[in-house]
N, C-alpha and C. Protein backbone atom coordinates (compact mmCIF):
# COMPACT_ATOMS: atom_id res chain seq x y z
N MET A 1 -5.83 25.47 -4.71
CA MET A 1 -4.72 24.92 -3.95
C MET A 1 -3.69 24.42 -4.97
N ASP A 2 -2.41 24.75 -4.73
CA ASP A 2 -1.40 24.26 -5.66
C ASP A 2 -1.10 22.79 -5.38
N PHE A 3 -0.41 22.16 -6.32
CA PHE A 3 -0.21 20.71 -6.25
C PHE A 3 0.56 20.29 -5.01
N SER A 4 1.61 21.00 -4.66
CA SER A 4 2.40 20.63 -3.47
C SER A 4 1.56 20.67 -2.21
N GLU A 5 0.73 21.69 -2.10
CA GLU A 5 -0.16 21.80 -0.94
C GLU A 5 -1.19 20.67 -0.93
N LEU A 6 -1.70 20.34 -2.11
CA LEU A 6 -2.67 19.26 -2.24
C LEU A 6 -2.10 17.93 -1.76
N VAL A 7 -0.90 17.57 -2.21
CA VAL A 7 -0.35 16.27 -1.81
C VAL A 7 0.05 16.26 -0.34
N LYS A 8 0.39 17.41 0.21
CA LYS A 8 0.71 17.48 1.64
C LYS A 8 -0.56 17.34 2.49
N ASN A 9 -1.67 17.90 2.02
CA ASN A 9 -2.91 17.92 2.80
C ASN A 9 -3.79 16.68 2.63
N ARG A 10 -3.64 15.96 1.53
CA ARG A 10 -4.47 14.77 1.31
C ARG A 10 -4.13 13.71 2.35
N TYR A 11 -5.15 13.08 2.89
CA TYR A 11 -4.92 12.01 3.86
C TYR A 11 -5.99 10.95 3.71
N SER A 12 -5.77 9.80 4.33
CA SER A 12 -6.72 8.70 4.29
C SER A 12 -7.81 8.95 5.32
N VAL A 13 -9.00 9.25 4.83
CA VAL A 13 -10.14 9.59 5.69
C VAL A 13 -10.78 8.32 6.21
N ARG A 14 -11.03 8.30 7.51
CA ARG A 14 -11.63 7.12 8.13
C ARG A 14 -12.86 7.45 8.95
N ALA A 15 -13.50 8.57 8.61
CA ALA A 15 -14.80 8.95 9.18
C ALA A 15 -15.43 9.93 8.20
N TYR A 16 -16.71 9.70 7.89
CA TYR A 16 -17.39 10.49 6.86
C TYR A 16 -18.71 11.05 7.37
N LYS A 17 -19.02 12.26 6.90
CA LYS A 17 -20.33 12.86 7.15
C LYS A 17 -21.34 12.21 6.20
N PRO A 18 -22.62 12.21 6.55
CA PRO A 18 -23.62 11.62 5.66
C PRO A 18 -24.00 12.53 4.49
N ASP A 19 -23.45 13.74 4.43
CA ASP A 19 -23.81 14.70 3.38
C ASP A 19 -23.58 14.11 1.99
N PRO A 20 -24.52 14.31 1.09
CA PRO A 20 -24.34 13.77 -0.27
C PRO A 20 -23.22 14.50 -1.02
N VAL A 21 -22.62 13.79 -1.95
CA VAL A 21 -21.62 14.36 -2.84
C VAL A 21 -22.37 14.95 -4.04
N GLU A 22 -22.11 16.21 -4.31
CA GLU A 22 -22.78 16.88 -5.42
C GLU A 22 -22.41 16.21 -6.74
N ASP A 23 -23.39 16.15 -7.66
CA ASP A 23 -23.17 15.52 -8.97
C ASP A 23 -21.98 16.12 -9.69
N GLU A 24 -21.80 17.44 -9.59
CA GLU A 24 -20.70 18.11 -10.29
C GLU A 24 -19.35 17.65 -9.74
N LYS A 25 -19.27 17.46 -8.42
CA LYS A 25 -18.02 17.00 -7.82
C LYS A 25 -17.74 15.55 -8.18
N LEU A 26 -18.77 14.73 -8.18
CA LEU A 26 -18.58 13.34 -8.58
C LEU A 26 -18.10 13.29 -10.03
N ALA A 27 -18.73 14.07 -10.90
CA ALA A 27 -18.32 14.09 -12.31
C ALA A 27 -16.87 14.55 -12.45
N ALA A 28 -16.46 15.51 -11.64
CA ALA A 28 -15.09 16.03 -11.72
C ALA A 28 -14.07 14.97 -11.31
N VAL A 29 -14.34 14.21 -10.25
CA VAL A 29 -13.37 13.19 -9.83
C VAL A 29 -13.33 12.04 -10.83
N LEU A 30 -14.46 11.70 -11.40
CA LEU A 30 -14.47 10.65 -12.42
C LEU A 30 -13.74 11.11 -13.69
N GLU A 31 -13.90 12.38 -14.03
CA GLU A 31 -13.20 12.94 -15.19
C GLU A 31 -11.69 12.92 -14.97
N ALA A 32 -11.26 13.21 -13.75
CA ALA A 32 -9.82 13.16 -13.45
C ALA A 32 -9.28 11.75 -13.70
N ALA A 33 -10.02 10.74 -13.31
CA ALA A 33 -9.60 9.35 -13.55
C ALA A 33 -9.58 9.06 -15.05
N ARG A 34 -10.58 9.55 -15.76
CA ARG A 34 -10.65 9.31 -17.21
C ARG A 34 -9.45 9.90 -17.93
N LEU A 35 -8.95 11.03 -17.44
CA LEU A 35 -7.84 11.72 -18.09
C LEU A 35 -6.47 11.19 -17.67
N ALA A 36 -6.43 10.25 -16.74
CA ALA A 36 -5.16 9.71 -16.25
C ALA A 36 -4.42 8.99 -17.38
N PRO A 37 -3.10 9.09 -17.36
CA PRO A 37 -2.33 8.35 -18.37
C PRO A 37 -2.37 6.85 -18.10
N THR A 38 -2.44 6.08 -19.17
CA THR A 38 -2.37 4.63 -19.07
C THR A 38 -1.47 4.12 -20.20
N ALA A 39 -0.94 2.93 -20.04
CA ALA A 39 -0.05 2.35 -21.04
C ALA A 39 -0.75 2.27 -22.39
N ALA A 40 -0.11 2.86 -23.40
CA ALA A 40 -0.64 2.90 -24.76
C ALA A 40 -2.03 3.53 -24.82
N ASN A 41 -2.37 4.31 -23.79
CA ASN A 41 -3.68 4.98 -23.68
C ASN A 41 -4.85 4.01 -23.85
N ARG A 42 -4.70 2.81 -23.36
CA ARG A 42 -5.76 1.80 -23.48
C ARG A 42 -6.91 2.02 -22.50
N GLN A 43 -6.66 2.66 -21.38
CA GLN A 43 -7.67 2.87 -20.33
C GLN A 43 -8.40 1.56 -19.98
N PRO A 44 -7.64 0.55 -19.56
CA PRO A 44 -8.25 -0.76 -19.29
C PRO A 44 -8.89 -0.84 -17.90
N PHE A 45 -9.85 0.03 -17.66
CA PHE A 45 -10.50 0.02 -16.34
C PHE A 45 -11.95 0.46 -16.45
N LEU A 46 -12.71 0.08 -15.44
CA LEU A 46 -14.08 0.55 -15.24
C LEU A 46 -14.17 1.05 -13.81
N LEU A 47 -14.91 2.12 -13.63
CA LEU A 47 -15.16 2.67 -12.30
C LEU A 47 -16.63 2.45 -11.96
N PHE A 48 -16.89 1.80 -10.86
CA PHE A 48 -18.26 1.56 -10.42
C PHE A 48 -18.54 2.48 -9.24
N VAL A 49 -19.57 3.31 -9.35
CA VAL A 49 -19.97 4.24 -8.30
C VAL A 49 -21.13 3.61 -7.56
N ILE A 50 -20.95 3.40 -6.27
CA ILE A 50 -21.91 2.65 -5.46
C ILE A 50 -22.52 3.56 -4.41
N ASP A 51 -23.83 3.66 -4.39
CA ASP A 51 -24.55 4.41 -3.37
C ASP A 51 -24.65 3.49 -2.14
N THR A 52 -24.20 3.98 -1.00
CA THR A 52 -24.16 3.13 0.20
C THR A 52 -25.50 3.08 0.95
N LYS A 53 -26.35 4.07 0.71
CA LYS A 53 -27.60 4.17 1.50
C LYS A 53 -28.44 2.89 1.36
N GLY A 54 -28.74 2.29 2.51
CA GLY A 54 -29.54 1.08 2.54
C GLY A 54 -28.78 -0.18 2.19
N ARG A 55 -27.49 -0.06 1.87
CA ARG A 55 -26.70 -1.22 1.46
C ARG A 55 -25.52 -1.46 2.41
N GLU A 56 -25.52 -0.75 3.53
CA GLU A 56 -24.38 -0.80 4.43
C GLU A 56 -23.99 -2.22 4.86
N GLU A 57 -24.99 -3.02 5.21
CA GLU A 57 -24.69 -4.37 5.70
C GLU A 57 -24.02 -5.23 4.64
N GLU A 58 -24.57 -5.25 3.43
CA GLU A 58 -23.98 -6.09 2.39
C GLU A 58 -22.62 -5.55 1.94
N LEU A 59 -22.49 -4.23 1.85
CA LEU A 59 -21.21 -3.65 1.44
C LEU A 59 -20.13 -3.88 2.48
N SER A 60 -20.51 -4.02 3.74
CA SER A 60 -19.54 -4.30 4.80
C SER A 60 -18.89 -5.67 4.63
N ARG A 61 -19.49 -6.53 3.86
CA ARG A 61 -18.87 -7.83 3.57
C ARG A 61 -17.63 -7.67 2.69
N ILE A 62 -17.58 -6.60 1.92
CA ILE A 62 -16.43 -6.35 1.05
C ILE A 62 -15.23 -5.91 1.87
N TYR A 63 -15.49 -4.99 2.82
CA TYR A 63 -14.43 -4.48 3.68
C TYR A 63 -15.04 -4.23 5.05
N HIS A 64 -14.48 -4.84 6.08
CA HIS A 64 -15.09 -4.87 7.41
C HIS A 64 -14.70 -3.71 8.32
N ARG A 65 -14.84 -2.49 7.83
CA ARG A 65 -14.62 -1.33 8.69
C ARG A 65 -15.87 -0.45 8.62
N GLU A 66 -16.33 0.00 9.77
CA GLU A 66 -17.56 0.79 9.84
C GLU A 66 -17.50 2.02 8.94
N TRP A 67 -16.36 2.68 8.89
CA TRP A 67 -16.24 3.91 8.11
C TRP A 67 -16.31 3.68 6.61
N PHE A 68 -16.07 2.45 6.16
CA PHE A 68 -16.14 2.13 4.73
C PHE A 68 -17.51 2.46 4.15
N VAL A 69 -18.54 2.22 4.93
CA VAL A 69 -19.91 2.46 4.44
C VAL A 69 -20.53 3.73 5.01
N GLN A 70 -19.76 4.52 5.76
CA GLN A 70 -20.27 5.81 6.26
C GLN A 70 -20.42 6.82 5.14
N ALA A 71 -19.50 6.81 4.21
CA ALA A 71 -19.54 7.77 3.10
C ALA A 71 -20.78 7.48 2.24
N PRO A 72 -21.33 8.51 1.61
CA PRO A 72 -22.50 8.26 0.77
C PRO A 72 -22.20 7.45 -0.49
N LEU A 73 -20.93 7.46 -0.90
CA LEU A 73 -20.54 6.72 -2.11
C LEU A 73 -19.29 5.90 -1.86
N ILE A 74 -19.17 4.83 -2.61
CA ILE A 74 -17.94 4.04 -2.68
C ILE A 74 -17.63 3.89 -4.16
N ILE A 75 -16.37 3.99 -4.48
CA ILE A 75 -15.96 3.76 -5.87
C ILE A 75 -15.09 2.52 -5.91
N CYS A 76 -15.42 1.64 -6.83
CA CYS A 76 -14.65 0.43 -7.08
C CYS A 76 -13.98 0.59 -8.43
N ALA A 77 -12.66 0.49 -8.45
CA ALA A 77 -11.90 0.54 -9.70
C ALA A 77 -11.55 -0.88 -10.09
N CYS A 78 -12.01 -1.26 -11.26
CA CYS A 78 -11.75 -2.60 -11.78
C CYS A 78 -10.86 -2.53 -13.00
N GLY A 79 -9.94 -3.47 -13.08
CA GLY A 79 -9.12 -3.60 -14.27
C GLY A 79 -9.79 -4.51 -15.28
N LEU A 80 -9.51 -4.27 -16.53
CA LEU A 80 -10.04 -5.09 -17.62
C LEU A 80 -8.86 -5.81 -18.28
N PRO A 81 -8.54 -7.02 -17.80
CA PRO A 81 -7.36 -7.72 -18.29
C PRO A 81 -7.32 -7.90 -19.81
N GLY A 82 -8.46 -8.03 -20.44
CA GLY A 82 -8.50 -8.22 -21.89
C GLY A 82 -8.16 -6.97 -22.68
N GLU A 83 -8.08 -5.82 -22.01
CA GLU A 83 -7.81 -4.57 -22.71
C GLU A 83 -6.44 -3.98 -22.39
N VAL A 84 -5.69 -4.63 -21.52
CA VAL A 84 -4.40 -4.08 -21.07
C VAL A 84 -3.34 -4.19 -22.16
N TRP A 85 -2.43 -3.22 -22.18
CA TRP A 85 -1.28 -3.26 -23.07
C TRP A 85 -0.16 -3.99 -22.34
N LYS A 86 0.48 -4.92 -23.02
CA LYS A 86 1.52 -5.71 -22.37
C LYS A 86 2.92 -5.32 -22.79
N GLY A 87 3.08 -4.47 -23.73
CA GLY A 87 4.41 -3.98 -24.09
C GLY A 87 5.27 -5.00 -24.81
N GLU A 88 6.43 -4.53 -25.24
CA GLU A 88 7.36 -5.36 -26.01
C GLU A 88 7.86 -6.56 -25.22
N HIS A 89 7.98 -6.39 -23.92
CA HIS A 89 8.56 -7.45 -23.10
C HIS A 89 7.51 -8.27 -22.36
N GLY A 90 6.26 -8.08 -22.72
CA GLY A 90 5.18 -8.87 -22.15
C GLY A 90 4.75 -8.46 -20.75
N ARG A 91 5.27 -7.34 -20.25
CA ARG A 91 4.89 -6.88 -18.91
C ARG A 91 3.44 -6.39 -18.92
N ASP A 92 2.70 -6.81 -17.93
CA ASP A 92 1.28 -6.44 -17.80
C ASP A 92 1.18 -5.17 -16.96
N TYR A 93 0.57 -4.12 -17.51
CA TYR A 93 0.48 -2.83 -16.83
C TYR A 93 -0.89 -2.57 -16.19
N LEU A 94 -1.70 -3.58 -16.05
CA LEU A 94 -3.06 -3.39 -15.54
C LEU A 94 -3.08 -2.72 -14.17
N GLY A 95 -2.35 -3.26 -13.22
CA GLY A 95 -2.34 -2.69 -11.88
C GLY A 95 -1.83 -1.26 -11.86
N VAL A 96 -0.81 -0.99 -12.68
CA VAL A 96 -0.26 0.36 -12.77
C VAL A 96 -1.31 1.32 -13.33
N ASP A 97 -1.96 0.92 -14.41
CA ASP A 97 -2.96 1.79 -15.05
C ASP A 97 -4.11 2.11 -14.09
N VAL A 98 -4.61 1.11 -13.40
CA VAL A 98 -5.72 1.33 -12.45
C VAL A 98 -5.25 2.22 -11.30
N ALA A 99 -4.03 1.99 -10.82
CA ALA A 99 -3.51 2.80 -9.71
C ALA A 99 -3.37 4.27 -10.12
N ILE A 100 -2.90 4.53 -11.31
CA ILE A 100 -2.76 5.92 -11.76
C ILE A 100 -4.14 6.58 -11.85
N ALA A 101 -5.09 5.88 -12.43
CA ALA A 101 -6.45 6.44 -12.54
C ALA A 101 -7.04 6.72 -11.15
N MET A 102 -6.87 5.79 -10.23
CA MET A 102 -7.42 5.99 -8.88
C MET A 102 -6.69 7.11 -8.16
N ASP A 103 -5.40 7.23 -8.36
CA ASP A 103 -4.65 8.31 -7.72
C ASP A 103 -5.14 9.67 -8.24
N HIS A 104 -5.37 9.78 -9.53
CA HIS A 104 -5.94 11.02 -10.08
C HIS A 104 -7.29 11.32 -9.44
N LEU A 105 -8.13 10.30 -9.32
CA LEU A 105 -9.45 10.47 -8.71
C LEU A 105 -9.33 10.95 -7.26
N ILE A 106 -8.45 10.33 -6.51
CA ILE A 106 -8.27 10.66 -5.10
C ILE A 106 -7.74 12.08 -4.92
N LEU A 107 -6.79 12.48 -5.75
CA LEU A 107 -6.26 13.84 -5.64
C LEU A 107 -7.31 14.87 -6.05
N ALA A 108 -8.09 14.58 -7.09
CA ALA A 108 -9.16 15.49 -7.49
C ALA A 108 -10.19 15.63 -6.37
N ALA A 109 -10.50 14.52 -5.71
CA ALA A 109 -11.45 14.56 -4.60
C ALA A 109 -10.93 15.45 -3.48
N ALA A 110 -9.67 15.31 -3.13
CA ALA A 110 -9.08 16.12 -2.06
C ALA A 110 -9.13 17.60 -2.42
N GLU A 111 -8.87 17.92 -3.67
CA GLU A 111 -8.91 19.32 -4.09
C GLU A 111 -10.31 19.91 -3.93
N LEU A 112 -11.33 19.07 -4.06
CA LEU A 112 -12.72 19.52 -3.94
C LEU A 112 -13.26 19.43 -2.52
N GLY A 113 -12.41 19.08 -1.55
CA GLY A 113 -12.84 19.00 -0.16
C GLY A 113 -13.46 17.66 0.21
N LEU A 114 -13.33 16.67 -0.67
CA LEU A 114 -13.87 15.35 -0.41
C LEU A 114 -12.80 14.44 0.17
N GLY A 115 -13.24 13.46 0.93
CA GLY A 115 -12.31 12.51 1.52
C GLY A 115 -12.38 11.17 0.81
N THR A 116 -11.25 10.46 0.88
CA THR A 116 -11.13 9.13 0.29
C THR A 116 -10.19 8.31 1.17
N CYS A 117 -10.17 7.02 0.94
CA CYS A 117 -9.20 6.14 1.59
C CYS A 117 -8.96 4.94 0.68
N TRP A 118 -7.74 4.82 0.23
CA TRP A 118 -7.35 3.73 -0.67
C TRP A 118 -7.51 2.40 0.05
N ILE A 119 -8.28 1.48 -0.53
CA ILE A 119 -8.51 0.17 0.08
C ILE A 119 -8.18 -0.92 -0.94
N GLY A 120 -7.11 -1.64 -0.65
CA GLY A 120 -6.70 -2.73 -1.53
C GLY A 120 -6.87 -4.10 -0.90
N ALA A 121 -7.04 -4.16 0.42
CA ALA A 121 -7.17 -5.43 1.14
C ALA A 121 -8.65 -5.68 1.42
N PHE A 122 -9.36 -6.15 0.43
CA PHE A 122 -10.81 -6.38 0.54
C PHE A 122 -11.13 -7.78 0.05
N ASP A 123 -12.36 -8.20 0.28
CA ASP A 123 -12.81 -9.53 -0.15
C ASP A 123 -13.29 -9.43 -1.60
N ALA A 124 -12.45 -9.86 -2.52
CA ALA A 124 -12.75 -9.75 -3.95
C ALA A 124 -13.97 -10.58 -4.35
N GLU A 125 -14.12 -11.75 -3.76
CA GLU A 125 -15.27 -12.59 -4.10
C GLU A 125 -16.57 -11.94 -3.64
N ALA A 126 -16.57 -11.37 -2.45
CA ALA A 126 -17.76 -10.65 -1.97
C ALA A 126 -18.05 -9.46 -2.88
N ALA A 127 -17.01 -8.77 -3.31
CA ALA A 127 -17.20 -7.63 -4.21
C ALA A 127 -17.85 -8.08 -5.51
N ARG A 128 -17.34 -9.16 -6.09
CA ARG A 128 -17.92 -9.68 -7.35
C ARG A 128 -19.40 -10.02 -7.18
N GLU A 129 -19.70 -10.70 -6.09
CA GLU A 129 -21.07 -11.14 -5.84
C GLU A 129 -22.01 -9.96 -5.56
N ILE A 130 -21.64 -9.11 -4.63
CA ILE A 130 -22.51 -8.01 -4.20
C ILE A 130 -22.72 -6.99 -5.31
N LEU A 131 -21.65 -6.68 -6.03
CA LEU A 131 -21.74 -5.65 -7.08
C LEU A 131 -22.13 -6.22 -8.43
N ASN A 132 -22.21 -7.54 -8.52
CA ASN A 132 -22.56 -8.19 -9.78
C ASN A 132 -21.65 -7.69 -10.90
N LEU A 133 -20.35 -7.75 -10.64
CA LEU A 133 -19.38 -7.24 -11.59
C LEU A 133 -19.33 -8.11 -12.85
N PRO A 134 -19.08 -7.48 -13.98
CA PRO A 134 -18.92 -8.27 -15.20
C PRO A 134 -17.74 -9.23 -15.06
N GLU A 135 -17.80 -10.35 -15.75
CA GLU A 135 -16.74 -11.36 -15.67
C GLU A 135 -15.37 -10.82 -16.03
N ASP A 136 -15.34 -9.88 -16.97
CA ASP A 136 -14.06 -9.36 -17.44
C ASP A 136 -13.51 -8.23 -16.58
N ALA A 137 -14.19 -7.89 -15.48
CA ALA A 137 -13.76 -6.80 -14.60
C ALA A 137 -13.15 -7.37 -13.32
N ASP A 138 -11.89 -7.03 -13.09
CA ASP A 138 -11.16 -7.51 -11.92
C ASP A 138 -11.08 -6.40 -10.88
N PRO A 139 -11.79 -6.52 -9.73
CA PRO A 139 -11.74 -5.45 -8.73
C PRO A 139 -10.32 -5.32 -8.16
N ILE A 140 -9.79 -4.10 -8.21
CA ILE A 140 -8.42 -3.87 -7.78
C ILE A 140 -8.34 -2.96 -6.56
N VAL A 141 -9.15 -1.91 -6.53
CA VAL A 141 -9.09 -0.98 -5.40
C VAL A 141 -10.45 -0.32 -5.19
N PHE A 142 -10.73 -0.01 -3.93
CA PHE A 142 -11.94 0.71 -3.54
C PHE A 142 -11.55 2.00 -2.84
N THR A 143 -12.48 2.95 -2.83
CA THR A 143 -12.38 4.09 -1.93
C THR A 143 -13.78 4.57 -1.59
N PRO A 144 -14.00 4.88 -0.31
CA PRO A 144 -15.21 5.64 0.01
C PRO A 144 -15.03 7.04 -0.58
N LEU A 145 -16.13 7.74 -0.80
CA LEU A 145 -16.06 9.12 -1.31
C LEU A 145 -17.13 9.93 -0.59
N GLY A 146 -16.69 10.93 0.16
CA GLY A 146 -17.61 11.77 0.90
C GLY A 146 -16.87 12.86 1.64
N TYR A 147 -17.60 13.59 2.46
CA TYR A 147 -17.00 14.68 3.22
C TYR A 147 -16.41 14.15 4.52
N PRO A 148 -15.15 14.51 4.81
CA PRO A 148 -14.50 14.02 6.03
C PRO A 148 -15.22 14.47 7.30
N ALA A 149 -15.25 13.55 8.28
CA ALA A 149 -15.79 13.85 9.60
C ALA A 149 -14.70 13.66 10.64
N ASP A 150 -13.45 13.60 10.19
CA ASP A 150 -12.33 13.46 11.10
C ASP A 150 -11.29 14.52 10.76
N THR A 151 -10.21 14.49 11.48
CA THR A 151 -9.12 15.42 11.19
C THR A 151 -7.87 14.60 10.89
N PRO A 152 -7.04 15.12 9.99
CA PRO A 152 -5.85 14.35 9.63
C PRO A 152 -4.86 14.27 10.78
N LYS A 153 -4.20 13.13 10.84
CA LYS A 153 -3.10 12.95 11.79
C LYS A 153 -1.82 13.32 11.05
N PRO A 154 -0.78 13.67 11.77
CA PRO A 154 0.48 13.99 11.09
C PRO A 154 0.94 12.81 10.24
N LYS A 155 1.41 13.11 9.03
CA LYS A 155 1.90 12.06 8.14
C LYS A 155 3.28 11.61 8.60
N GLU A 156 3.45 10.31 8.60
CA GLU A 156 4.77 9.75 8.88
C GLU A 156 5.30 9.19 7.57
N ARG A 157 6.37 9.78 7.10
CA ARG A 157 6.98 9.35 5.86
C ARG A 157 8.49 9.23 6.06
N LYS A 158 9.09 8.34 5.31
CA LYS A 158 10.54 8.21 5.35
C LYS A 158 11.16 9.49 4.82
N PRO A 159 12.36 9.81 5.28
CA PRO A 159 13.07 10.94 4.72
C PRO A 159 13.40 10.68 3.24
N LEU A 160 13.50 11.73 2.47
CA LEU A 160 13.76 11.61 1.04
C LEU A 160 15.04 10.82 0.76
N ASP A 161 16.07 11.00 1.58
CA ASP A 161 17.34 10.29 1.31
C ASP A 161 17.22 8.78 1.51
N GLU A 162 16.13 8.31 2.12
CA GLU A 162 15.92 6.86 2.27
C GLU A 162 15.17 6.26 1.08
N ILE A 163 14.53 7.10 0.28
CA ILE A 163 13.74 6.55 -0.82
C ILE A 163 14.21 6.98 -2.21
N ALA A 164 15.13 7.92 -2.27
CA ALA A 164 15.61 8.40 -3.58
C ALA A 164 17.10 8.10 -3.71
N ARG A 165 17.47 7.60 -4.86
CA ARG A 165 18.88 7.33 -5.18
C ARG A 165 19.22 8.06 -6.48
N TYR A 166 20.36 8.67 -6.49
CA TYR A 166 20.84 9.38 -7.68
C TYR A 166 21.95 8.56 -8.31
N LEU A 167 21.77 8.20 -9.55
CA LEU A 167 22.75 7.34 -10.24
C LEU A 167 23.49 8.10 -11.32
């Protein structure tokens, strides 16, 4: 699938089949995140791959939607504040770096027929406790990872002339 088709077809999946994700596909999506560009190539992130089987109840404390734990896997992307590049003007690029890595992961998953859903509004304290995250790892975004059990709805997006300005 070419890139334009990929970005048009990718959607936020909110229902998952219980089918396992093949090791090769998991490795491919993680590799896509590893290859993502980051400020000064610092790669200030860790990806935690979580098996949901038997952990549905506790994982639901992180994000309270049934479909969050339907997928066989959940990926938590954490930023490492101590490793981020701050640039000449002191700007912190941690959130940007993690977002780029997760976007690469999500697009790679879609290309392989896997579904994801970007989740940024979660209980960070529950995530730290349940996942026993290292102190230096700041949970920034989650996504379930599995085979979609739903169908995409039409995307609603602003017209290009509302979001692009030519100077």
